[in-house]
Amino acid sequence: TTAELAELREKCAALEARADAGDCRGYVMANWAFHSAIHQASHSPMLRAALEPYWLRIGPYVERMMPDRASLMESIPTHWQIVEALS
């Protein structure tokens, strides 16, 4: 919906702000919020149930995979592409 897309844009902007600040822990939380908003917008309990356990396993490793501002910022264009693809 229009409201769900607006929420997704807000979450992507928050993700970008955390990345730009080099706040890896904040980025992890914002990344979860971003992807969770997509899962919720699917209105598919089966899809959410399938995806959420993977995110719970991946989250703790993001700080190791993306330890600095530059690596966090590299992910931002892809997130905005996701937003545009869903719009």
N, C-alpha and C. Protein backbone atom coordinates (compact mmCIF):
# COMPACT_ATOMS: atom_id res chain seq x y z
N THR A 1 0.84 -1.18 0.00
CA THR A 1 0.00 0.00 0.00
C THR A 1 0.89 1.24 0.00
N THR A 2 0.28 2.38 -0.23
CA THR A 2 1.01 3.64 -0.19
C THR A 2 1.61 3.86 1.19
N ALA A 3 0.86 3.55 2.23
CA ALA A 3 1.36 3.73 3.60
C ALA A 3 2.53 2.79 3.89
N GLU A 4 2.45 1.57 3.42
CA GLU A 4 3.54 0.62 3.64
C GLU A 4 4.80 1.05 2.90
N LEU A 5 4.64 1.58 1.70
CA LEU A 5 5.79 2.07 0.95
C LEU A 5 6.41 3.30 1.63
N ALA A 6 5.57 4.16 2.17
CA ALA A 6 6.09 5.33 2.90
C ALA A 6 6.88 4.87 4.13
N GLU A 7 6.35 3.89 4.83
CA GLU A 7 7.05 3.35 6.00
C GLU A 7 8.38 2.72 5.58
N LEU A 8 8.39 2.01 4.46
CA LEU A 8 9.62 1.39 3.98
C LEU A 8 10.67 2.45 3.63
N ARG A 9 10.23 3.54 3.01
CA ARG A 9 11.15 4.64 2.70
C ARG A 9 11.75 5.23 3.98
N GLU A 10 10.92 5.40 4.99
CA GLU A 10 11.40 5.92 6.27
C GLU A 10 12.42 4.97 6.89
N LYS A 11 12.15 3.70 6.80
CA LYS A 11 13.06 2.72 7.38
C LYS A 11 14.38 2.68 6.61
N CYS A 12 14.31 2.87 5.30
CA CYS A 12 15.52 2.89 4.49
C CYS A 12 16.35 4.15 4.82
N ALA A 13 15.68 5.26 5.00
CA ALA A 13 16.38 6.49 5.38
C ALA A 13 17.04 6.33 6.74
N ALA A 14 16.37 5.69 7.66
CA ALA A 14 16.95 5.44 8.99
C ALA A 14 18.16 4.51 8.88
N LEU A 15 18.06 3.51 8.03
CA LEU A 15 19.17 2.60 7.79
C LEU A 15 20.37 3.36 7.23
N GLU A 16 20.11 4.22 6.28
CA GLU A 16 21.18 5.02 5.68
C GLU A 16 21.83 5.94 6.73
N ALA A 17 21.03 6.52 7.59
CA ALA A 17 21.57 7.40 8.63
C ALA A 17 22.48 6.63 9.58
N ARG A 18 22.09 5.42 9.96
CA ARG A 18 22.92 4.60 10.85
C ARG A 18 24.22 4.21 10.15
N ALA A 19 24.13 3.86 8.86
CA ALA A 19 25.33 3.52 8.10
C ALA A 19 26.26 4.72 7.99
N ASP A 20 25.69 5.87 7.67
CA ASP A 20 26.48 7.09 7.51
C ASP A 20 27.18 7.48 8.81
N ALA A 21 26.55 7.17 9.92
CA ALA A 21 27.13 7.47 11.23
C ALA A 21 28.17 6.42 11.64
N GLY A 22 28.27 5.33 10.85
CA GLY A 22 29.19 4.26 11.21
C GLY A 22 28.74 3.47 12.42
N ASP A 23 27.44 3.52 12.70
CA ASP A 23 26.85 2.86 13.86
C ASP A 23 26.42 1.45 13.46
N CYS A 24 27.33 0.51 13.59
CA CYS A 24 27.05 -0.85 13.14
C CYS A 24 25.89 -1.49 13.90
N ARG A 25 25.87 -1.34 15.20
CA ARG A 25 24.79 -1.95 15.99
C ARG A 25 23.44 -1.32 15.62
N GLY A 26 23.42 0.00 15.45
CA GLY A 26 22.20 0.67 15.02
C GLY A 26 21.80 0.25 13.62
N TYR A 27 22.79 0.03 12.76
CA TYR A 27 22.54 -0.44 11.40
C TYR A 27 21.87 -1.81 11.43
N VAL A 28 22.36 -2.70 12.29
CA VAL A 28 21.77 -4.04 12.39
C VAL A 28 20.29 -3.94 12.75
N MET A 29 19.97 -3.10 13.71
CA MET A 29 18.57 -2.95 14.13
C MET A 29 17.73 -2.31 13.02
N ALA A 30 18.29 -1.29 12.37
CA ALA A 30 17.57 -0.63 11.27
C ALA A 30 17.40 -1.56 10.08
N ASN A 31 18.40 -2.40 9.83
CA ASN A 31 18.31 -3.36 8.73
C ASN A 31 17.20 -4.36 9.00
N TRP A 32 17.12 -4.83 10.24
CA TRP A 32 16.04 -5.74 10.62
C TRP A 32 14.69 -5.06 10.44
N ALA A 33 14.57 -3.81 10.86
CA ALA A 33 13.30 -3.08 10.73
C ALA A 33 12.92 -2.92 9.26
N PHE A 34 13.90 -2.64 8.41
CA PHE A 34 13.66 -2.48 6.98
C PHE A 34 13.12 -3.78 6.37
N HIS A 35 13.85 -4.85 6.57
CA HIS A 35 13.45 -6.13 5.97
C HIS A 35 12.19 -6.68 6.61
N SER A 36 12.02 -6.45 7.88
CA SER A 36 10.80 -6.89 8.56
C SER A 36 9.58 -6.17 8.00
N ALA A 37 9.73 -4.89 7.65
CA ALA A 37 8.62 -4.15 7.05
C ALA A 37 8.20 -4.78 5.72
N ILE A 38 9.17 -5.27 4.96
CA ILE A 38 8.85 -5.95 3.70
C ILE A 38 8.11 -7.25 3.98
N HIS A 39 8.62 -8.02 4.95
CA HIS A 39 7.95 -9.28 5.29
C HIS A 39 6.51 -9.03 5.72
N GLN A 40 6.31 -8.01 6.55
CA GLN A 40 4.97 -7.71 7.04
C GLN A 40 4.07 -7.24 5.92
N ALA A 41 4.61 -6.46 4.99
CA ALA A 41 3.80 -5.95 3.88
C ALA A 41 3.37 -7.07 2.92
N SER A 42 4.06 -8.18 2.98
CA SER A 42 3.66 -9.30 2.12
C SER A 42 2.31 -9.87 2.55
N HIS A 43 1.94 -9.64 3.80
CA HIS A 43 0.69 -10.18 4.36
C HIS A 43 0.64 -11.70 4.23
N SER A 44 1.82 -12.30 4.26
CA SER A 44 1.93 -13.76 4.14
C SER A 44 2.58 -14.32 5.41
N PRO A 45 1.78 -14.87 6.30
CA PRO A 45 2.35 -15.45 7.51
C PRO A 45 3.37 -16.56 7.20
N MET A 46 3.14 -17.29 6.13
CA MET A 46 4.05 -18.37 5.77
C MET A 46 5.42 -17.81 5.35
N LEU A 47 5.42 -16.75 4.57
CA LEU A 47 6.67 -16.13 4.15
C LEU A 47 7.41 -15.57 5.35
N ARG A 48 6.70 -14.86 6.21
CA ARG A 48 7.33 -14.29 7.41
C ARG A 48 7.92 -15.39 8.28
N ALA A 49 7.17 -16.45 8.48
CA ALA A 49 7.65 -17.55 9.31
C ALA A 49 8.90 -18.20 8.71
N ALA A 50 8.98 -18.22 7.40
CA ALA A 50 10.15 -18.82 6.74
C ALA A 50 11.37 -17.91 6.82
N LEU A 51 11.20 -16.61 6.69
CA LEU A 51 12.32 -15.68 6.60
C LEU A 51 12.85 -15.21 7.95
N GLU A 52 11.99 -14.99 8.90
CA GLU A 52 12.42 -14.39 10.16
C GLU A 52 13.51 -15.18 10.89
N PRO A 53 13.45 -16.51 10.92
CA PRO A 53 14.54 -17.23 11.60
C PRO A 53 15.91 -16.99 10.96
N TYR A 54 15.96 -16.79 9.65
CA TYR A 54 17.23 -16.50 9.00
C TYR A 54 17.79 -15.16 9.46
N TRP A 55 16.91 -14.17 9.56
CA TRP A 55 17.38 -12.86 10.01
C TRP A 55 17.88 -12.91 11.43
N LEU A 56 17.27 -13.72 12.26
CA LEU A 56 17.72 -13.82 13.64
C LEU A 56 19.12 -14.46 13.72
N ARG A 57 19.43 -15.32 12.75
CA ARG A 57 20.74 -15.94 12.72
C ARG A 57 21.79 -15.04 12.08
N ILE A 58 21.40 -14.24 11.12
CA ILE A 58 22.35 -13.39 10.38
C ILE A 58 22.73 -12.15 11.18
N GLY A 59 21.79 -11.56 11.86
CA GLY A 59 22.00 -10.29 12.56
C GLY A 59 23.28 -10.19 13.36
N PRO A 60 23.59 -11.19 14.20
CA PRO A 60 24.81 -11.08 15.01
C PRO A 60 26.10 -11.03 14.19
N TYR A 61 26.07 -11.49 12.96
CA TYR A 61 27.28 -11.52 12.14
C TYR A 61 27.50 -10.25 11.32
N VAL A 62 26.49 -9.40 11.25
CA VAL A 62 26.63 -8.20 10.43
C VAL A 62 27.78 -7.34 10.92
N GLU A 63 27.94 -7.23 12.22
CA GLU A 63 29.02 -6.41 12.76
C GLU A 63 30.39 -6.93 12.33
N ARG A 64 30.50 -8.22 12.14
CA ARG A 64 31.77 -8.79 11.68
C ARG A 64 31.94 -8.66 10.17
N MET A 65 30.84 -8.77 9.45
CA MET A 65 30.91 -8.70 7.99
C MET A 65 31.04 -7.26 7.51
N MET A 66 30.49 -6.33 8.27
CA MET A 66 30.45 -4.93 7.86
C MET A 66 30.93 -4.07 9.04
N PRO A 67 32.23 -4.09 9.32
CA PRO A 67 32.71 -3.49 10.57
C PRO A 67 32.92 -1.98 10.55
N ASP A 68 32.76 -1.34 9.39
CA ASP A 68 33.06 0.09 9.34
C ASP A 68 32.06 0.83 8.46
N ARG A 69 32.14 2.15 8.53
CA ARG A 69 31.21 3.01 7.79
C ARG A 69 31.20 2.69 6.30
N ALA A 70 32.37 2.52 5.70
CA ALA A 70 32.45 2.28 4.26
C ALA A 70 31.70 1.01 3.85
N SER A 71 31.88 -0.05 4.59
CA SER A 71 31.19 -1.30 4.24
C SER A 71 29.68 -1.18 4.48
N LEU A 72 29.28 -0.45 5.51
CA LEU A 72 27.85 -0.24 5.75
C LEU A 72 27.23 0.57 4.61
N MET A 73 27.94 1.63 4.20
CA MET A 73 27.41 2.50 3.14
C MET A 73 27.31 1.78 1.79
N GLU A 74 28.14 0.78 1.57
CA GLU A 74 28.07 0.03 0.31
C GLU A 74 26.72 -0.65 0.11
N SER A 75 26.06 -0.98 1.20
CA SER A 75 24.77 -1.69 1.10
C SER A 75 23.59 -0.76 0.82
N ILE A 76 23.76 0.51 1.02
CA ILE A 76 22.63 1.45 0.96
C ILE A 76 22.00 1.54 -0.44
N PRO A 77 22.78 1.67 -1.51
CA PRO A 77 22.13 1.73 -2.83
C PRO A 77 21.23 0.53 -3.14
N THR A 78 21.66 -0.65 -2.70
CA THR A 78 20.85 -1.85 -2.92
C THR A 78 19.52 -1.76 -2.17
N HIS A 79 19.56 -1.24 -0.96
CA HIS A 79 18.31 -1.09 -0.19
C HIS A 79 17.37 -0.11 -0.89
N TRP A 80 17.91 0.99 -1.40
CA TRP A 80 17.05 1.94 -2.12
C TRP A 80 16.52 1.31 -3.41
N GLN A 81 17.29 0.46 -4.05
CA GLN A 81 16.80 -0.24 -5.24
C GLN A 81 15.64 -1.16 -4.90
N ILE A 82 15.69 -1.77 -3.74
CA ILE A 82 14.57 -2.61 -3.27
C ILE A 82 13.33 -1.75 -3.11
N VAL A 83 13.48 -0.60 -2.48
CA VAL A 83 12.34 0.32 -2.29
C VAL A 83 11.74 0.69 -3.65
N GLU A 84 12.59 1.07 -4.59
CA GLU A 84 12.10 1.47 -5.91
C GLU A 84 11.43 0.31 -6.65
N ALA A 85 11.98 -0.89 -6.51
CA ALA A 85 11.40 -2.05 -7.18
C ALA A 85 10.00 -2.35 -6.63
N LEU A 86 9.79 -2.08 -5.37
CA LEU A 86 8.48 -2.34 -4.77
C LEU A 86 7.48 -1.20 -5.00
N SER A 87 7.99 -0.07 -5.45
CA SER A 87 7.11 1.11 -5.64
C SER A 87 6.32 1.03 -6.93
